[in-house]
PDB file of N, CA and C in Angstrom:
ATOM      1  N   MET A   1      21.315   0.488 -49.114  1.00  0.00           N
ATOM      2  CA  MET A   1      20.149   1.882 -49.831  1.00  0.00           C
ATOM      3  C   MET A   1      20.161   1.965 -48.016  1.00  0.00           C
ATOM      4  N   THR A   2      19.723   2.708 -47.720  1.00  0.00           N
ATOM      5  CA  THR A   2      18.745   3.129 -46.394  1.00  0.00           C
ATOM      6  C   THR A   2      17.864   3.972 -46.459  1.00  0.00           C
ATOM      7  N   ARG A   3      16.631   3.623 -46.233  1.00  0.00           N
ATOM      8  CA  ARG A   3      14.798   4.729 -46.315  1.00  0.00           C
ATOM      9  C   ARG A   3      15.584   5.142 -45.367  1.00  0.00           C
ATOM     10  N   LEU A   4      14.957   7.064 -45.937  1.00  0.00           N
ATOM     11  CA  LEU A   4      14.886   7.716 -45.644  1.00  0.00           C
ATOM     12  C   LEU A   4      13.641   8.277 -44.330  1.00  0.00           C
ATOM     13  N   ASN A   5      13.624   8.824 -43.452  1.00  0.00           N
ATOM     14  CA  ASN A   5      12.591   8.854 -42.067  1.00  0.00           C
ATOM     15  C   ASN A   5      13.042  10.310 -42.337  1.00  0.00           C
ATOM     16  N   ARG A   6      11.891  11.780 -41.821  1.00  0.00           N
ATOM     17  CA  ARG A   6      11.597  12.477 -42.317  1.00  0.00           C
ATOM     18  C   ARG A   6      13.050  13.459 -42.038  1.00  0.00           C
ATOM     19  N   GLN A   7      13.179  13.325 -40.644  1.00  0.00           N
ATOM     20  CA  GLN A   7      14.454  14.406 -39.451  1.00  0.00           C
ATOM     21  C   GLN A   7      16.098  14.151 -41.001  1.00  0.00           C
ATOM     22  N   ARG A   8      16.261  13.031 -41.856  1.00  0.00           N
ATOM     23  CA  ARG A   8      17.412  13.005 -41.851  1.00  0.00           C
ATOM     24  C   ARG A   8      16.545  13.207 -44.212  1.00  0.00           C
ATOM     25  N   ALA A   9      15.620  13.800 -44.378  1.00  0.00           N
ATOM     26  CA  ALA A   9      15.109  13.652 -45.517  1.00  0.00           C
ATOM     27  C   ALA A   9      15.222  15.316 -45.160  1.00  0.00           C
ATOM     28  N   GLU A  10      15.072  15.866 -44.206  1.00  0.00           N
ATOM     29  CA  GLU A  10      14.896  17.348 -44.417  1.00  0.00           C
ATOM     30  C   GLU A  10      16.478  17.580 -44.296  1.00  0.00           C
ATOM     31  N   GLU A  11      17.367  17.297 -43.499  1.00  0.00           N
ATOM     32  CA  GLU A  11      18.931  16.976 -43.099  1.00  0.00           C
ATOM     33  C   GLU A  11      19.206  17.586 -45.199  1.00  0.00           C
ATOM     34  N   ILE A  12      19.107  16.022 -45.561  1.00  0.00           N
ATOM     35  CA  ILE A  12      19.587  15.790 -47.187  1.00  0.00           C
ATOM     36  C   ILE A  12      18.944  17.575 -47.918  1.00  0.00           C
ATOM     37  N   ALA A  13      18.416  17.779 -47.820  1.00  0.00           N
ATOM     38  CA  ALA A  13      16.956  18.660 -48.428  1.00  0.00           C
ATOM     39  C   ALA A  13      18.079  20.451 -47.375  1.00  0.00           C
ATOM     40  N   GLN A  14      18.275  20.170 -46.601  1.00  0.00           N
ATOM     41  CA  GLN A  14      19.557  22.018 -46.012  1.00  0.00           C
ATOM     42  C   GLN A  14      20.510  21.930 -46.503  1.00  0.00           C
ATOM     43  N   SER A  15      21.363  20.185 -46.988  1.00  0.00           N
ATOM     44  CA  SER A  15      22.778  20.201 -47.180  1.00  0.00           C
ATOM     45  C   SER A  15      22.898  20.794 -48.287  1.00  0.00           C
ATOM     46  N   PRO A  16      24.625  21.817 -48.707  1.00  0.00           N
ATOM     47  CA  PRO A  16      25.250  21.676 -49.667  1.00  0.00           C
ATOM     48  C   PRO A  16      25.565  20.974 -50.588  1.00  0.00           C
ATOM     49  N   ASP A  17      25.729  19.647 -50.024  1.00  0.00           N
ATOM     50  CA  ASP A  17      25.877  18.696 -51.095  1.00  0.00           C
ATOM     51  C   ASP A  17      24.880  17.996 -51.413  1.00  0.00           C
ATOM     52  N   MET A  18      25.529  17.515 -53.387  1.00  0.00           N
ATOM     53  CA  MET A  18      24.695  16.766 -54.005  1.00  0.00           C
ATOM     54  C   MET A  18      24.901  14.619 -53.149  1.00  0.00           C
ATOM     55  N   LYS A  19      23.443  14.324 -52.205  1.00  0.00           N
ATOM     56  CA  LYS A  19      23.398  13.458 -51.697  1.00  0.00           C
ATOM     57  C   LYS A  19      22.858  12.539 -52.896  1.00  0.00           C
ATOM     58  N   HIS A  20      23.191  11.116 -52.639  1.00  0.00           N
ATOM     59  CA  HIS A  20      22.780   9.798 -53.969  1.00  0.00           C
ATOM     60  C   HIS A  20      21.348   9.445 -52.938  1.00  0.00           C
ATOM     61  N   VAL A  21      20.051   9.645 -53.772  1.00  0.00           N
ATOM     62  CA  VAL A  21      18.737   9.392 -52.872  1.00  0.00           C
ATOM     63  C   VAL A  21      18.283   9.111 -53.902  1.00  0.00           C
ATOM     64  N   THR A  22      17.380   8.467 -53.963  1.00  0.00           N
ATOM     65  CA  THR A  22      16.812   7.589 -55.150  1.00  0.00           C
ATOM     66  C   THR A  22      15.139   7.160 -54.650  1.00  0.00           C
ATOM     67  N   TYR A  23      13.850   7.770 -55.874  1.00  0.00           N
ATOM     68  CA  TYR A  23      12.815   6.825 -55.690  1.00  0.00           C
ATOM     69  C   TYR A  23      12.109   6.622 -56.685  1.00  0.00           C
ATOM     70  N   SER A  24      11.904   5.179 -56.275  1.00  0.00           N
ATOM     71  CA  SER A  24      11.518   4.186 -57.661  1.00  0.00           C
ATOM     72  C   SER A  24      12.842   4.036 -58.871  1.00  0.00           C
ATOM     73  N   GLY A  25      14.204   3.935 -58.092  1.00  0.00           N
ATOM     74  CA  GLY A  25      15.592   3.574 -59.038  1.00  0.00           C
ATOM     75  C   GLY A  25      15.827   4.880 -59.868  1.00  0.00           C
ATOM     76  N   ASN A  26      14.686   6.041 -59.530  1.00  0.00           N
ATOM     77  CA  ASN A  26      15.652   7.213 -60.061  1.00  0.00           C
ATOM     78  C   ASN A  26      16.367   8.262 -58.635  1.00  0.00           C
ATOM     79  N   GLN A  27      17.672   8.573 -59.685  1.00  0.00           N
ATOM     80  CA  GLN A  27      18.379   9.530 -58.656  1.00  0.00           C
ATOM     81  C   GLN A  27      17.371  10.980 -58.582  1.00  0.00           C
ATOM     82  N   VAL A  28      17.228  11.646 -56.926  1.00  0.00           N
ATOM     83  CA  VAL A  28      16.447  12.126 -57.275  1.00  0.00           C
ATOM     84  C   VAL A  28      16.674  13.333 -56.356  1.00  0.00           C
ATOM     85  N   TYR A  29      16.651  14.568 -56.130  1.00  0.00           N
ATOM     86  CA  TYR A  29      16.980  16.155 -55.038  1.00  0.00           C
ATOM     87  C   TYR A  29      15.539  16.619 -55.171  1.00  0.00           C
ATOM     88  N   ILE A  30      16.080  16.460 -53.446  1.00  0.00           N
ATOM     89  CA  ILE A  30      14.932  16.718 -52.504  1.00  0.00           C
ATOM     90  C   ILE A  30      14.549  17.993 -52.468  1.00  0.00           C
ATOM     91  N   GLN A  31      13.920  19.019 -52.869  1.00  0.00           N
ATOM     92  CA  GLN A  31      13.659  20.286 -52.237  1.00  0.00           C
ATOM     93  C   GLN A  31      13.186  20.934 -51.174  1.00  0.00           C
ATOM     94  N   HIS A  32      12.270  19.899 -50.279  1.00  0.00           N
ATOM     95  CA  HIS A  32      12.187  20.798 -49.129  1.00  0.00           C
ATOM     96  C   HIS A  32      10.966  19.152 -48.758  1.00  0.00           C
ATOM     97  N   VAL A  33      10.595  19.096 -47.379  1.00  0.00           N
ATOM     98  CA  VAL A  33      10.372  18.079 -46.652  1.00  0.00           C
ATOM     99  C   VAL A  33       8.337  18.700 -46.667  1.00  0.00           C
ATOM    100  N   ASN A  34       7.514  18.236 -46.773  1.00  0.00           N
ATOM    101  CA  ASN A  34       6.221  18.725 -47.008  1.00  0.00           C
ATOM    102  C   ASN A  34       5.528  18.511 -45.272  1.00  0.00           C
ATOM    103  N   ASP A  35       6.073  17.268 -45.209  1.00  0.00           N
ATOM    104  CA  ASP A  35       4.826  16.667 -43.833  1.00  0.00           C
ATOM    105  C   ASP A  35       5.736  15.321 -43.399  1.00  0.00           C
ATOM    106  N   ALA A  36       5.155  14.746 -42.449  1.00  0.00           N
ATOM    107  CA  ALA A  36       5.619  13.753 -41.848  1.00  0.00           C
ATOM    108  C   ALA A  36       6.361  12.104 -43.221  1.00  0.00           C
ATOM    109  N   HIS A  37       5.251  12.397 -43.874  1.00  0.00           N
ATOM    110  CA  HIS A  37       5.153  11.424 -44.864  1.00  0.00           C
ATOM    111  C   HIS A  37       5.347  12.185 -46.573  1.00  0.00           C
ATOM    112  N   THR A  38       5.727  13.037 -46.785  1.00  0.00           N
ATOM    113  CA  THR A  38       6.166  13.542 -48.195  1.00  0.00           C
ATOM    114  C   THR A  38       7.073  14.391 -48.135  1.00  0.00           C
ATOM    115  N   ALA A  39       7.990  14.635 -49.129  1.00  0.00           N
ATOM    116  CA  ALA A  39       9.148  15.511 -49.352  1.00  0.00           C
ATOM    117  C   ALA A  39       8.641  16.011 -51.258  1.00  0.00           C
ATOM    118  N   ARG A  40       8.562  17.060 -51.621  1.00  0.00           N
ATOM    119  CA  ARG A  40       8.969  17.502 -52.643  1.00  0.00           C
ATOM    120  C   ARG A  40      10.450  17.230 -53.746  1.00  0.00           C
ATOM    121  N   VAL A  41      10.378  16.648 -54.523  1.00  0.00           N
ATOM    122  CA  VAL A  41      11.537  16.255 -55.290  1.00  0.00           C
ATOM    123  C   VAL A  41      11.390  16.076 -56.659  1.00  0.00           C
ATOM    124  N   PHE A  42      12.405  16.518 -57.653  1.00  0.00           N
ATOM    125  CA  PHE A  42      12.598  16.148 -58.937  1.00  0.00           C
ATOM    126  C   PHE A  42      13.640  14.759 -59.173  1.00  0.00           C
ATOM    127  N   THR A  43      14.084  14.209 -60.552  1.00  0.00           N
ATOM    128  CA  THR A  43      14.600  13.635 -60.853  1.00  0.00           C
ATOM    129  C   THR A  43      15.533  14.682 -61.479  1.00  0.00           C
ATOM    130  N   LEU A  44      16.818  14.083 -61.493  1.00  0.00           N
ATOM    131  CA  LEU A  44      18.027  15.016 -62.318  1.00  0.00           C
ATOM    132  C   LEU A  44      18.027  14.395 -63.326  1.00  0.00           C
ATOM    133  N   TYR A  45      17.261  13.913 -64.073  1.00  0.00           N
ATOM    134  CA  TYR A  45      17.176  13.748 -65.608  1.00  0.00           C
ATOM    135  C   TYR A  45      15.868  15.227 -65.983  1.00  0.00           C
ATOM    136  N   SER A  46      15.061  15.085 -65.012  1.00  0.00           N
ATOM    137  CA  SER A  46      14.253  15.867 -65.827  1.00  0.00           C
ATOM    138  C   SER A  46      13.867  16.756 -64.675  1.00  0.00           C
ATOM    139  N   PRO A  47      14.645  17.689 -64.217  1.00  0.00           N
ATOM    140  CA  PRO A  47      14.040  18.530 -62.963  1.00  0.00           C
ATOM    141  C   PRO A  47      12.984  19.937 -63.080  1.00  0.00           C
ATOM    142  N   GLU A  48      12.479  19.537 -64.435  1.00  0.00           N
ATOM    143  CA  GLU A  48      11.470  20.725 -64.542  1.00  0.00           C
ATOM    144  C   GLU A  48       9.962  19.765 -64.174  1.00  0.00           C
ATOM    145  N   ASN A  49       9.865  18.556 -63.824  1.00  0.00           N
ATOM    146  CA  ASN A  49       8.600  18.171 -63.503  1.00  0.00           C
ATOM    147  C   ASN A  49       9.303  16.938 -62.483  1.00  0.00           C
ATOM    148  N   GLU A  50       8.407  18.342 -61.240  1.00  0.00           N
ATOM    149  CA  GLU A  50       8.964  18.136 -59.728  1.00  0.00           C
ATOM    150  C   GLU A  50       7.337  16.867 -58.964  1.00  0.00           C
ATOM    151  N   PHE A  51       7.609  16.884 -58.086  1.00  0.00           N
ATOM    152  CA  PHE A  51       6.394  16.258 -57.670  1.00  0.00           C
ATOM    153  C   PHE A  51       6.671  15.624 -56.067  1.00  0.00           C
ATOM    154  N   ASP A  52       5.714  15.284 -55.374  1.00  0.00           N
ATOM    155  CA  ASP A  52       5.501  14.694 -54.022  1.00  0.00           C
ATOM    156  C   ASP A  52       5.625  13.294 -53.557  1.00  0.00           C
ATOM    157  N   ALA A  53       6.710  13.396 -53.351  1.00  0.00           N
ATOM    158  CA  ALA A  53       6.622  11.617 -53.187  1.00  0.00           C
ATOM    159  C   ALA A  53       7.064  11.421 -51.275  1.00  0.00           C
ATOM    160  N   GLN A  54       6.258   9.756 -51.381  1.00  0.00           N
ATOM    161  CA  GLN A  54       6.355   9.893 -50.412  1.00  0.00           C
ATOM    162  C   GLN A  54       7.852   9.091 -49.410  1.00  0.00           C
ATOM    163  N   LEU A  55       8.117   9.446 -48.072  1.00  0.00           N
ATOM    164  CA  LEU A  55       9.539   9.411 -47.396  1.00  0.00           C
ATOM    165  C   LEU A  55       9.587   7.889 -47.665  1.00  0.00           C
ATOM    166  N   GLU A  56       8.955   7.146 -47.236  1.00  0.00           N
ATOM    167  CA  GLU A  56       9.677   5.768 -47.125  1.00  0.00           C
ATOM    168  C   GLU A  56      10.071   5.044 -48.281  1.00  0.00           C
ATOM    169  N   LYS A  57       9.247   5.610 -49.144  1.00  0.00           N
ATOM    170  CA  LYS A  57       9.959   5.338 -50.721  1.00  0.00           C
ATOM    171  C   LYS A  57      11.112   6.001 -51.328  1.00  0.00           C
ATOM    172  N   LEU A  58      12.071   6.965 -50.560  1.00  0.00           N
ATOM    173  CA  LEU A  58      13.307   7.488 -50.756  1.00  0.00           C
ATOM    174  C   LEU A  58      14.290   6.541 -49.895  1.00  0.00           C
ATOM    175  N   ASN A  59      15.378   6.060 -50.923  1.00  0.00           N
ATOM    176  CA  ASN A  59      16.531   5.206 -50.491  1.00  0.00           C
ATOM    177  C   ASN A  59      17.439   6.832 -50.546  1.00  0.00           C
ATOM    178  N   GLU A  60      18.456   6.464 -49.231  1.00  0.00           N
ATOM    179  CA  GLU A  60      20.084   7.417 -49.396  1.00  0.00           C
ATOM    180  C   GLU A  60      20.538   5.622 -49.848  1.00  0.00           C
ATOM    181  N   LYS A  61      21.809   5.957 -50.702  1.00  0.00           N
ATOM    182  CA  LYS A  61      23.081   5.631 -50.529  1.00  0.00           C
ATOM    183  C   LYS A  61      24.103   5.882 -50.177  1.00  0.00           C
ATOM    184  N   LEU A  62      24.534   5.053 -48.705  1.00  0.00           N
ATOM    185  CA  LEU A  62      25.756   5.640 -47.671  1.00  0.00           C
ATOM    186  C   LEU A  62      26.989   5.426 -48.780  1.00  0.00           C
TER     187      LEU A  62
END
């Protein structure tokens, strides 16, 4: 697992391909990056519950 920085989070958010990104052990989808520290995400098992996640807590499985 690799922690995401802002640039990589933006790349994933703009990518048409689904990437394996987790937050607190749950796979999430990055909708967009808010600022230098957070991104708007939702978990794949609960897409109706969006929330802001700290970028430093997002991990990508390579």
